[in-house]
């Protein structure tokens, strides 16, 4: 259910859901973390990239991979 919620948030495209998706990058379920990273990457918006960059230094090492993936997806468009 959390994985589907993360996916749906990415499809909505509402920048207000970025903090929720960032929190989902810390979920215990690997599939939820992956869905959150993909959703964050789908925003293709500089604000999304900046929010992720701001959160990156304090993120756990396991979460950083998803954040970097999302940044790479955003960078492909910007």
PDB file of N, CA and C in Angstrom:
ATOM      1  N   UNK A   1       0.814  -1.185   0.000  1.00  0.00           N
ATOM      2  CA  UNK A   1       0.000   0.000   0.000  1.00  0.00           C
ATOM      3  C   UNK A   1       0.868   1.263   0.000  1.00  0.00           C
ATOM      4  N   UNK A   2       1.942   1.255   0.798  1.00  0.00           N
ATOM      5  CA  UNK A   2       2.826   2.432   0.847  1.00  0.00           C
ATOM      6  C   UNK A   2       3.527   2.632  -0.494  1.00  0.00           C
ATOM      7  N   UNK A   3       3.886   1.535  -1.153  1.00  0.00           N
ATOM      8  CA  UNK A   3       4.541   1.634  -2.461  1.00  0.00           C
ATOM      9  C   UNK A   3       3.604   2.296  -3.467  1.00  0.00           C
ATOM     10  N   UNK A   4       2.355   1.878  -3.468  1.00  0.00           N
ATOM     11  CA  UNK A   4       1.377   2.462  -4.383  1.00  0.00           C
ATOM     12  C   UNK A   4       1.119   3.931  -4.063  1.00  0.00           C
ATOM     13  N   UNK A   5       1.133   4.268  -2.780  1.00  0.00           N
ATOM     14  CA  UNK A   5       0.952   5.668  -2.389  1.00  0.00           C
ATOM     15  C   UNK A   5       2.116   6.520  -2.895  1.00  0.00           C
ATOM     16  N   UNK A   6       3.327   6.007  -2.762  1.00  0.00           N
ATOM     17  CA  UNK A   6       4.499   6.743  -3.259  1.00  0.00           C
ATOM     18  C   UNK A   6       4.403   6.944  -4.763  1.00  0.00           C
ATOM     19  N   UNK A   7       3.988   5.912  -5.450  1.00  0.00           N
ATOM     20  CA  UNK A   7       3.841   6.005  -6.912  1.00  0.00           C
ATOM     21  C   UNK A   7       2.774   7.040  -7.284  1.00  0.00           C
ATOM     22  N   UNK A   8       1.652   7.024  -6.566  1.00  0.00           N
ATOM     23  CA  UNK A   8       0.564   7.967  -6.846  1.00  0.00           C
ATOM     24  C   UNK A   8       0.998   9.412  -6.586  1.00  0.00           C
ATOM     25  N   UNK A   9       1.766   9.630  -5.537  1.00  0.00           N
ATOM     26  CA  UNK A   9       2.247  10.986  -5.253  1.00  0.00           C
ATOM     27  C   UNK A   9       3.113  11.507  -6.393  1.00  0.00           C
ATOM     28  N   UNK A  10       3.910  10.640  -6.979  1.00  0.00           N
ATOM     29  CA  UNK A  10       4.729  11.045  -8.111  1.00  0.00           C
ATOM     30  C   UNK A  10       3.894  11.400  -9.323  1.00  0.00           C
ATOM     31  N   UNK A  11       2.805  10.697  -9.503  1.00  0.00           N
ATOM     32  CA  UNK A  11       1.936  10.948 -10.653  1.00  0.00           C
ATOM     33  C   UNK A  11       1.121  12.223 -10.486  1.00  0.00           C
ATOM     34  N   UNK A  12       0.845  12.597  -9.239  1.00  0.00           N
ATOM     35  CA  UNK A  12       0.091  13.828  -8.995  1.00  0.00           C
ATOM     36  C   UNK A  12       0.878  15.064  -9.397  1.00  0.00           C
ATOM     37  N   UNK A  13       2.176  15.046  -9.127  1.00  0.00           N
ATOM     38  CA  UNK A  13       3.021  16.164  -9.507  1.00  0.00           C
ATOM     39  C   UNK A  13       2.899  17.378  -8.607  1.00  0.00           C
ATOM     40  N   UNK A  14       2.313  17.229  -7.432  1.00  0.00           N
ATOM     41  CA  UNK A  14       2.168  18.344  -6.499  1.00  0.00           C
ATOM     42  C   UNK A  14       3.462  18.480  -5.695  1.00  0.00           C
ATOM     43  N   UNK A  15       4.122  19.616  -5.825  1.00  0.00           N
ATOM     44  CA  UNK A  15       5.402  19.827  -5.147  1.00  0.00           C
ATOM     45  C   UNK A  15       5.284  19.746  -3.633  1.00  0.00           C
ATOM     46  N   UNK A  16       4.095  19.902  -3.095  1.00  0.00           N
ATOM     47  CA  UNK A  16       3.892  19.791  -1.650  1.00  0.00           C
ATOM     48  C   UNK A  16       4.106  18.370  -1.141  1.00  0.00           C
ATOM     49  N   UNK A  17       4.107  17.391  -2.027  1.00  0.00           N
ATOM     50  CA  UNK A  17       4.292  16.004  -1.598  1.00  0.00           C
ATOM     51  C   UNK A  17       5.772  15.596  -1.560  1.00  0.00           C
ATOM     52  N   UNK A  18       6.670  16.488  -1.941  1.00  0.00           N
ATOM     53  CA  UNK A  18       8.097  16.170  -1.922  1.00  0.00           C
ATOM     54  C   UNK A  18       8.572  15.789  -0.519  1.00  0.00           C
ATOM     55  N   UNK A  19       8.218  16.537   0.535  1.00  0.00           N
ATOM     56  CA  UNK A  19       8.661  16.116   1.874  1.00  0.00           C
ATOM     57  C   UNK A  19       8.153  14.725   2.271  1.00  0.00           C
ATOM     58  N   UNK A  20       6.949  14.381   1.852  1.00  0.00           N
ATOM     59  CA  UNK A  20       6.407  13.047   2.153  1.00  0.00           C
ATOM     60  C   UNK A  20       7.233  11.986   1.437  1.00  0.00           C
ATOM     61  N   UNK A  21       7.553  12.241   0.185  1.00  0.00           N
ATOM     62  CA  UNK A  21       8.353  11.275  -0.578  1.00  0.00           C
ATOM     63  C   UNK A  21       9.762  11.151  -0.002  1.00  0.00           C
ATOM     64  N   UNK A  22      10.322  12.246   0.454  1.00  0.00           N
ATOM     65  CA  UNK A  22      11.638  12.184   1.090  1.00  0.00           C
ATOM     66  C   UNK A  22      11.585  11.307   2.337  1.00  0.00           C
ATOM     67  N   UNK A  23      10.519  11.412   3.097  1.00  0.00           N
ATOM     68  CA  UNK A  23      10.356  10.573   4.284  1.00  0.00           C
ATOM     69  C   UNK A  23      10.207   9.100   3.886  1.00  0.00           C
ATOM     70  N   UNK A  24       9.522   8.850   2.776  1.00  0.00           N
ATOM     71  CA  UNK A  24       9.351   7.473   2.310  1.00  0.00           C
ATOM     72  C   UNK A  24      10.667   6.849   1.848  1.00  0.00           C
ATOM     73  N   UNK A  25      11.658   7.679   1.548  1.00  0.00           N
ATOM     74  CA  UNK A  25      12.976   7.135   1.203  1.00  0.00           C
ATOM     75  C   UNK A  25      13.610   6.416   2.397  1.00  0.00           C
ATOM     76  N   UNK A  26      13.080   6.645   3.581  1.00  0.00           N
ATOM     77  CA  UNK A  26      13.590   6.002   4.790  1.00  0.00           C
ATOM     78  C   UNK A  26      12.731   4.811   5.223  1.00  0.00           C
ATOM     79  N   UNK A  27      11.750   4.448   4.423  1.00  0.00           N
ATOM     80  CA  UNK A  27      10.856   3.342   4.765  1.00  0.00           C
ATOM     81  C   UNK A  27      11.641   2.041   4.907  1.00  0.00           C
ATOM     82  N   UNK A  28      11.123   1.134   5.722  1.00  0.00           N
ATOM     83  CA  UNK A  28      11.812  -0.147   5.942  1.00  0.00           C
ATOM     84  C   UNK A  28      11.730  -1.066   4.723  1.00  0.00           C
ATOM     85  N   UNK A  29      10.750  -0.830   3.864  1.00  0.00           N
ATOM     86  CA  UNK A  29      10.545  -1.677   2.687  1.00  0.00           C
ATOM     87  C   UNK A  29      11.314  -1.113   1.493  1.00  0.00           C
ATOM     88  N   UNK A  30      12.169  -1.932   0.921  1.00  0.00           N
ATOM     89  CA  UNK A  30      12.998  -1.516  -0.215  1.00  0.00           C
ATOM     90  C   UNK A  30      12.158  -1.062  -1.402  1.00  0.00           C
ATOM     91  N   UNK A  31      11.021  -1.719  -1.653  1.00  0.00           N
ATOM     92  CA  UNK A  31      10.172  -1.348  -2.783  1.00  0.00           C
ATOM     93  C   UNK A  31       9.521   0.019  -2.579  1.00  0.00           C
ATOM     94  N   UNK A  32       9.214   0.340  -1.345  1.00  0.00           N
ATOM     95  CA  UNK A  32       8.655   1.660  -1.045  1.00  0.00           C
ATOM     96  C   UNK A  32       9.712   2.722  -1.295  1.00  0.00           C
ATOM     97  N   UNK A  33      10.936   2.464  -0.836  1.00  0.00           N
ATOM     98  CA  UNK A  33      12.032   3.421  -1.060  1.00  0.00           C
ATOM     99  C   UNK A  33      12.269   3.624  -2.553  1.00  0.00           C
ATOM    100  N   UNK A  34      12.238   2.559  -3.322  1.00  0.00           N
ATOM    101  CA  UNK A  34      12.450   2.661  -4.771  1.00  0.00           C
ATOM    102  C   UNK A  34      11.335   3.474  -5.426  1.00  0.00           C
ATOM    103  N   UNK A  35      10.098   3.216  -5.039  1.00  0.00           N
ATOM    104  CA  UNK A  35       8.969   3.956  -5.610  1.00  0.00           C
ATOM    105  C   UNK A  35       9.061   5.438  -5.269  1.00  0.00           C
ATOM    106  N   UNK A  36       9.491   5.735  -4.043  1.00  0.00           N
ATOM    107  CA  UNK A  36       9.641   7.144  -3.646  1.00  0.00           C
ATOM    108  C   UNK A  36      10.724   7.826  -4.469  1.00  0.00           C
ATOM    109  N   UNK A  37      11.845   7.151  -4.693  1.00  0.00           N
ATOM    110  CA  UNK A  37      12.933   7.727  -5.494  1.00  0.00           C
ATOM    111  C   UNK A  37      12.477   7.977  -6.925  1.00  0.00           C
ATOM    112  N   UNK A  38      11.775   7.023  -7.491  1.00  0.00           N
ATOM    113  CA  UNK A  38      11.273   7.185  -8.862  1.00  0.00           C
ATOM    114  C   UNK A  38      10.279   8.340  -8.924  1.00  0.00           C
ATOM    115  N   UNK A  39       9.407   8.421  -7.926  1.00  0.00           N
ATOM    116  CA  UNK A  39       8.424   9.505  -7.896  1.00  0.00           C
ATOM    117  C   UNK A  39       9.094  10.861  -7.768  1.00  0.00           C
ATOM    118  N   UNK A  40      10.089  10.955  -6.912  1.00  0.00           N
ATOM    119  CA  UNK A  40      10.820  12.220  -6.777  1.00  0.00           C
ATOM    120  C   UNK A  40      11.482  12.595  -8.101  1.00  0.00           C
ATOM    121  N   UNK A  41      12.028  11.621  -8.783  1.00  0.00           N
ATOM    122  CA  UNK A  41      12.665  11.888 -10.065  1.00  0.00           C
ATOM    123  C   UNK A  41      11.694  12.330 -11.133  1.00  0.00           C
ATOM    124  N   UNK A  42      10.435  11.966 -10.982  1.00  0.00           N
ATOM    125  CA  UNK A  42       9.434  12.319 -11.993  1.00  0.00           C
ATOM    126  C   UNK A  42       9.013  13.786 -11.931  1.00  0.00           C
ATOM    127  N   UNK A  43       9.376  14.479 -10.860  1.00  0.00           N
ATOM    128  CA  UNK A  43       8.964  15.872 -10.736  1.00  0.00           C
ATOM    129  C   UNK A  43       9.648  16.787 -11.751  1.00  0.00           C
ATOM    130  N   UNK A  44      10.897  16.501 -12.097  1.00  0.00           N
ATOM    131  CA  UNK A  44      11.612  17.292 -13.100  1.00  0.00           C
ATOM    132  C   UNK A  44      11.477  18.793 -12.835  1.00  0.00           C
ATOM    133  N   UNK A  45      11.661  19.161 -11.607  1.00  0.00           N
ATOM    134  CA  UNK A  45      11.496  20.557 -11.217  1.00  0.00           C
ATOM    135  C   UNK A  45      12.679  20.973 -10.350  1.00  0.00           C
ATOM    136  N   UNK A  46      13.219  22.157 -10.580  1.00  0.00           N
ATOM    137  CA  UNK A  46      14.363  22.602  -9.778  1.00  0.00           C
ATOM    138  C   UNK A  46      14.088  22.612  -8.281  1.00  0.00           C
ATOM    139  N   UNK A  47      12.847  22.911  -7.877  1.00  0.00           N
ATOM    140  CA  UNK A  47      12.514  22.907  -6.454  1.00  0.00           C
ATOM    141  C   UNK A  47      12.661  21.498  -5.869  1.00  0.00           C
ATOM    142  N   UNK A  48      12.268  20.495  -6.626  1.00  0.00           N
ATOM    143  CA  UNK A  48      12.425  19.111  -6.167  1.00  0.00           C
ATOM    144  C   UNK A  48      13.907  18.799  -5.995  1.00  0.00           C
ATOM    145  N   UNK A  49      14.706  19.195  -6.960  1.00  0.00           N
ATOM    146  CA  UNK A  49      16.146  18.938  -6.883  1.00  0.00           C
ATOM    147  C   UNK A  49      16.760  19.640  -5.669  1.00  0.00           C
ATOM    148  N   UNK A  50      16.383  20.887  -5.446  1.00  0.00           N
ATOM    149  CA  UNK A  50      16.945  21.631  -4.317  1.00  0.00           C
ATOM    150  C   UNK A  50      16.519  21.020  -2.985  1.00  0.00           C
ATOM    151  N   UNK A  51      15.279  20.583  -2.886  1.00  0.00           N
ATOM    152  CA  UNK A  51      14.792  19.967  -1.652  1.00  0.00           C
ATOM    153  C   UNK A  51      15.564  18.686  -1.361  1.00  0.00           C
ATOM    154  N   UNK A  52      15.812  17.898  -2.384  1.00  0.00           N
ATOM    155  CA  UNK A  52      16.569  16.655  -2.213  1.00  0.00           C
ATOM    156  C   UNK A  52      18.006  16.975  -1.818  1.00  0.00           C
ATOM    157  N   UNK A  53      18.611  17.952  -2.482  1.00  0.00           N
ATOM    158  CA  UNK A  53      19.989  18.341  -2.156  1.00  0.00           C
ATOM    159  C   UNK A  53      20.105  18.838  -0.719  1.00  0.00           C
ATOM    160  N   UNK A  54      19.110  19.569  -0.263  1.00  0.00           N
ATOM    161  CA  UNK A  54      19.125  20.061   1.112  1.00  0.00           C
ATOM    162  C   UNK A  54      19.044  18.914   2.124  1.00  0.00           C
ATOM    163  N   UNK A  55      18.305  17.878   1.784  1.00  0.00           N
ATOM    164  CA  UNK A  55      18.122  16.746   2.698  1.00  0.00           C
ATOM    165  C   UNK A  55      19.255  15.727   2.613  1.00  0.00           C
ATOM    166  N   UNK A  56      20.016  15.749   1.551  1.00  0.00           N
ATOM    167  CA  UNK A  56      21.050  14.738   1.298  1.00  0.00           C
ATOM    168  C   UNK A  56      22.110  14.629   2.402  1.00  0.00           C
ATOM    169  N   UNK A  57      22.659  15.717   2.911  1.00  0.00           N
ATOM    170  CA  UNK A  57      23.723  15.586   3.918  1.00  0.00           C
ATOM    171  C   UNK A  57      23.288  14.869   5.204  1.00  0.00           C
ATOM    172  N   UNK A  58      22.026  14.977   5.551  1.00  0.00           N
ATOM    173  CA  UNK A  58      21.538  14.371   6.787  1.00  0.00           C
ATOM    174  C   UNK A  58      20.916  12.995   6.583  1.00  0.00           C
ATOM    175  N   UNK A  59      20.872  12.538   5.347  1.00  0.00           N
ATOM    176  CA  UNK A  59      20.232  11.252   5.050  1.00  0.00           C
ATOM    177  C   UNK A  59      21.134  10.082   5.438  1.00  0.00           C
ATOM    178  N   UNK A  60      20.487   8.996   5.799  1.00  0.00           N
ATOM    179  CA  UNK A  60      21.220   7.767   6.095  1.00  0.00           C
ATOM    180  C   UNK A  60      21.855   7.263   4.799  1.00  0.00           C
ATOM    181  N   UNK A  61      22.991   6.587   4.893  1.00  0.00           N
ATOM    182  CA  UNK A  61      23.663   6.105   3.681  1.00  0.00           C
ATOM    183  C   UNK A  61      22.765   5.259   2.772  1.00  0.00           C
ATOM    184  N   UNK A  62      21.932   4.432   3.345  1.00  0.00           N
ATOM    185  CA  UNK A  62      21.063   3.580   2.523  1.00  0.00           C
ATOM    186  C   UNK A  62      20.017   4.403   1.772  1.00  0.00           C
ATOM    187  N   UNK A  63      19.664   5.559   2.292  1.00  0.00           N
ATOM    188  CA  UNK A  63      18.653   6.418   1.673  1.00  0.00           C
ATOM    189  C   UNK A  63      19.269   7.272   0.571  1.00  0.00           C
ATOM    190  N   UNK A  64      20.533   7.574   0.712  1.00  0.00           N
ATOM    191  CA  UNK A  64      21.203   8.453  -0.263  1.00  0.00           C
ATOM    192  C   UNK A  64      21.156   7.907  -1.681  1.00  0.00           C
ATOM    193  N   UNK A  65      21.197   6.603  -1.840  1.00  0.00           N
ATOM    194  CA  UNK A  65      21.155   6.014  -3.186  1.00  0.00           C
ATOM    195  C   UNK A  65      19.870   6.408  -3.902  1.00  0.00           C
ATOM    196  N   UNK A  66      18.751   6.356  -3.200  1.00  0.00           N
ATOM    197  CA  UNK A  66      17.483   6.759  -3.803  1.00  0.00           C
ATOM    198  C   UNK A  66      17.452   8.234  -4.130  1.00  0.00           C
ATOM    199  N   UNK A  67      18.053   9.023  -3.266  1.00  0.00           N
ATOM    200  CA  UNK A  67      18.092  10.462  -3.503  1.00  0.00           C
ATOM    201  C   UNK A  67      18.953  10.788  -4.730  1.00  0.00           C
ATOM    202  N   UNK A  68      20.075  10.119  -4.841  1.00  0.00           N
ATOM    203  CA  UNK A  68      20.956  10.339  -5.995  1.00  0.00           C
ATOM    204  C   UNK A  68      20.255   9.903  -7.278  1.00  0.00           C
ATOM    205  N   UNK A  69      19.535   8.792  -7.220  1.00  0.00           N
ATOM    206  CA  UNK A  69      18.770   8.333  -8.389  1.00  0.00           C
ATOM    207  C   UNK A  69      17.759   9.409  -8.801  1.00  0.00           C
ATOM    208  N   UNK A  70      17.042   9.935  -7.828  1.00  0.00           N
ATOM    209  CA  UNK A  70      16.042  10.959  -8.127  1.00  0.00           C
ATOM    210  C   UNK A  70      16.690  12.195  -8.744  1.00  0.00           C
ATOM    211  N   UNK A  71      17.827  12.605  -8.190  1.00  0.00           N
ATOM    212  CA  UNK A  71      18.542  13.763  -8.756  1.00  0.00           C
ATOM    213  C   UNK A  71      18.986  13.508 -10.192  1.00  0.00           C
ATOM    214  N   UNK A  72      19.416  12.296 -10.461  1.00  0.00           N
ATOM    215  CA  UNK A  72      19.843  11.954 -11.826  1.00  0.00           C
ATOM    216  C   UNK A  72      18.659  12.041 -12.784  1.00  0.00           C
ATOM    217  N   UNK A  73      17.500  11.577 -12.348  1.00  0.00           N
ATOM    218  CA  UNK A  73      16.297  11.641 -13.191  1.00  0.00           C
ATOM    219  C   UNK A  73      15.907  13.085 -13.445  1.00  0.00           C
ATOM    220  N   UNK A  74      15.980  13.913 -12.423  1.00  0.00           N
ATOM    221  CA  UNK A  74      15.625  15.324 -12.575  1.00  0.00           C
ATOM    222  C   UNK A  74      16.620  16.015 -13.505  1.00  0.00           C
ATOM    223  N   UNK A  75      17.898  15.720 -13.340  1.00  0.00           N
ATOM    224  CA  UNK A  75      18.951  16.340 -14.145  1.00  0.00           C
ATOM    225  C   UNK A  75      18.813  16.001 -15.619  1.00  0.00           C
ATOM    226  N   UNK A  76      18.263  14.856 -15.945  1.00  0.00           N
ATOM    227  CA  UNK A  76      18.087  14.469 -17.341  1.00  0.00           C
ATOM    228  C   UNK A  76      17.157  15.415 -18.081  1.00  0.00           C
ATOM    229  N   UNK A  77      16.304  16.099 -17.346  1.00  0.00           N
ATOM    230  CA  UNK A  77      15.314  16.977 -17.961  1.00  0.00           C
ATOM    231  C   UNK A  77      15.675  18.444 -17.853  1.00  0.00           C
ATOM    232  N   UNK A  78      16.265  18.816 -16.718  1.00  0.00           N
ATOM    233  CA  UNK A  78      16.572  20.241 -16.477  1.00  0.00           C
ATOM    234  C   UNK A  78      17.734  20.689 -17.335  1.00  0.00           C
TER     235      UNK A  78
END
